[in-house]
Amino acid sequence: MDQRHEWFKDGARAFRSVQSRYGRAHLLPPEIDLYPCPLCLRDLYVIGAIEAGELTREHVPPHSLGGRWLALTCRSCNNKAGTFFDAEAEKQERMRSFLSHFHPA
């Protein structure tokens, strides 16, 4: 089992646990693991969503800042994160790096 499948199983188990804690476990199909995107919580996915490309690995922090794959997110959130969050994080890091070269006299 690769890491993506492990993340899926862990996330599905945690999701079911939370639903159980709030008395909603009966709303979930008993034999099917479901995984919510941790960013948008919009949709629930079955494990086949990994191979279908609907769930993708997300770098945290962005890969360009030394991040590592940390979670599965839906393709839409992963794309948005790259466009908005990652770009902003890179901009902030460039500014921090630039300013670190200046020392007060």
Protein backbone atom coordinates (compact mmCIF):
# COMPACT_ATOMS: atom_id res chain seq x y z
CA MET A 1 0.00 0.00 0.00
CA ASP A 2 1.49 3.35 -0.95
CA GLN A 3 1.44 6.44 1.23
CA ARG A 4 -1.61 7.94 -0.49
CA HIS A 5 -3.68 4.89 0.44
CA GLU A 6 -2.41 5.04 4.02
CA TRP A 7 -3.44 8.71 4.23
CA PHE A 8 -6.81 7.83 2.79
CA LYS A 9 -7.38 5.06 5.35
CA ASP A 10 -6.25 7.29 8.24
CA GLY A 11 -8.44 10.17 7.07
CA ALA A 12 -11.46 7.93 6.52
CA ARG A 13 -11.02 6.41 9.99
CA ALA A 14 -10.78 9.86 11.58
CA PHE A 15 -13.83 11.08 9.64
CA ARG A 16 -15.88 8.09 10.78
CA SER A 17 -14.72 8.63 14.37
CA VAL A 18 -15.80 12.28 14.34
CA GLN A 19 -19.16 11.35 12.82
CA SER A 20 -19.61 8.73 15.52
CA ARG A 21 -18.73 11.20 18.27
CA TYR A 22 -21.49 13.52 17.05
CA GLY A 23 -24.04 10.72 16.62
CA ARG A 24 -23.96 10.78 12.82
CA ALA A 25 -22.15 7.52 12.07
CA HIS A 26 -25.46 5.92 11.08
CA LEU A 27 -25.55 8.29 8.09
CA LEU A 28 -22.41 6.68 6.60
CA PRO A 29 -22.45 3.44 4.63
CA PRO A 30 -21.04 0.80 6.97
CA GLU A 31 -18.80 -1.02 4.47
CA ILE A 32 -17.35 1.94 2.58
CA ASP A 33 -14.51 4.21 3.70
CA LEU A 34 -15.15 7.86 2.85
CA TYR A 35 -12.54 10.62 2.85
CA PRO A 36 -13.38 14.34 2.95
CA CYS A 37 -11.06 16.91 1.42
CA PRO A 38 -9.50 18.49 4.54
CA LEU A 39 -9.51 21.95 2.95
CA CYS A 40 -13.01 22.35 1.56
CA LEU A 41 -14.94 19.46 3.20
CA ARG A 42 -17.27 19.70 0.18
CA ASP A 43 -17.23 16.17 -1.13
CA LEU A 44 -16.64 12.68 0.18
CA TYR A 45 -14.40 10.38 -1.81
CA VAL A 46 -13.92 6.63 -2.06
CA ILE A 47 -10.43 5.17 -2.33
CA GLY A 48 -10.72 4.89 -6.13
CA ALA A 49 -10.55 8.70 -6.26
CA ILE A 50 -6.79 8.42 -5.82
CA GLU A 51 -6.27 6.49 -9.05
CA ALA A 52 -8.86 8.64 -10.83
CA GLY A 53 -6.84 11.75 -9.93
CA GLU A 54 -9.68 13.30 -7.92
CA LEU A 55 -7.56 13.19 -4.73
CA THR A 56 -4.00 14.44 -5.02
CA ARG A 57 -1.04 14.83 -2.70
CA GLU A 58 -0.57 18.29 -1.22
CA HIS A 59 2.82 19.76 -0.30
CA VAL A 60 2.90 21.54 3.06
CA PRO A 61 4.46 24.11 3.06
CA PRO A 62 4.81 24.59 -0.68
CA HIS A 63 7.35 22.36 -2.40
CA SER A 64 9.39 25.40 -3.47
CA LEU A 65 9.87 26.23 0.23
CA GLY A 66 11.02 22.75 1.18
CA GLY A 67 7.60 21.31 1.88
CA ARG A 68 6.76 17.66 1.72
CA TRP A 69 3.68 15.74 0.74
CA LEU A 70 1.53 15.75 3.83
CA ALA A 71 -2.11 15.12 2.94
CA LEU A 72 -4.60 14.29 0.24
CA THR A 73 -6.77 17.11 -1.04
CA CYS A 74 -9.27 17.28 -3.85
CA ARG A 75 -7.81 18.33 -7.19
CA SER A 76 -9.66 21.65 -7.08
CA CYS A 77 -8.25 22.62 -3.67
CA ASN A 78 -4.77 21.47 -4.65
CA ASN A 79 -4.89 23.69 -7.74
CA LYS A 80 -6.23 26.64 -5.76
CA ALA A 81 -3.61 26.16 -3.07
CA GLY A 82 -0.89 26.29 -5.71
CA THR A 83 -2.34 29.44 -7.22
CA PHE A 84 -3.08 31.36 -4.05
CA PHE A 85 -1.43 29.99 -0.91
CA ASP A 86 1.78 28.69 -2.44
CA ALA A 87 2.36 31.83 -4.50
CA GLU A 88 1.78 34.03 -1.44
CA ALA A 89 4.06 31.90 0.73
CA GLU A 90 6.80 32.11 -1.89
CA LYS A 91 6.39 35.89 -2.10
CA GLN A 92 6.65 36.20 1.69
CA GLU A 93 9.75 34.00 1.76
CA ARG A 94 11.43 36.05 -0.97
CA MET A 95 10.69 39.24 1.01
CA ARG A 96 12.02 37.70 4.25
CA SER A 97 15.15 36.55 2.47
CA PHE A 98 15.66 39.96 0.87
CA LEU A 99 15.20 41.82 4.15
CA SER A 100 17.51 39.47 6.04
CA HIS A 101 20.44 40.94 4.08
CA PHE A 102 19.92 44.35 5.69
CA HIS A 103 21.09 44.96 9.23
CA PRO A 104 20.28 48.12 11.22
CA ALA A 105 23.28 50.34 11.72
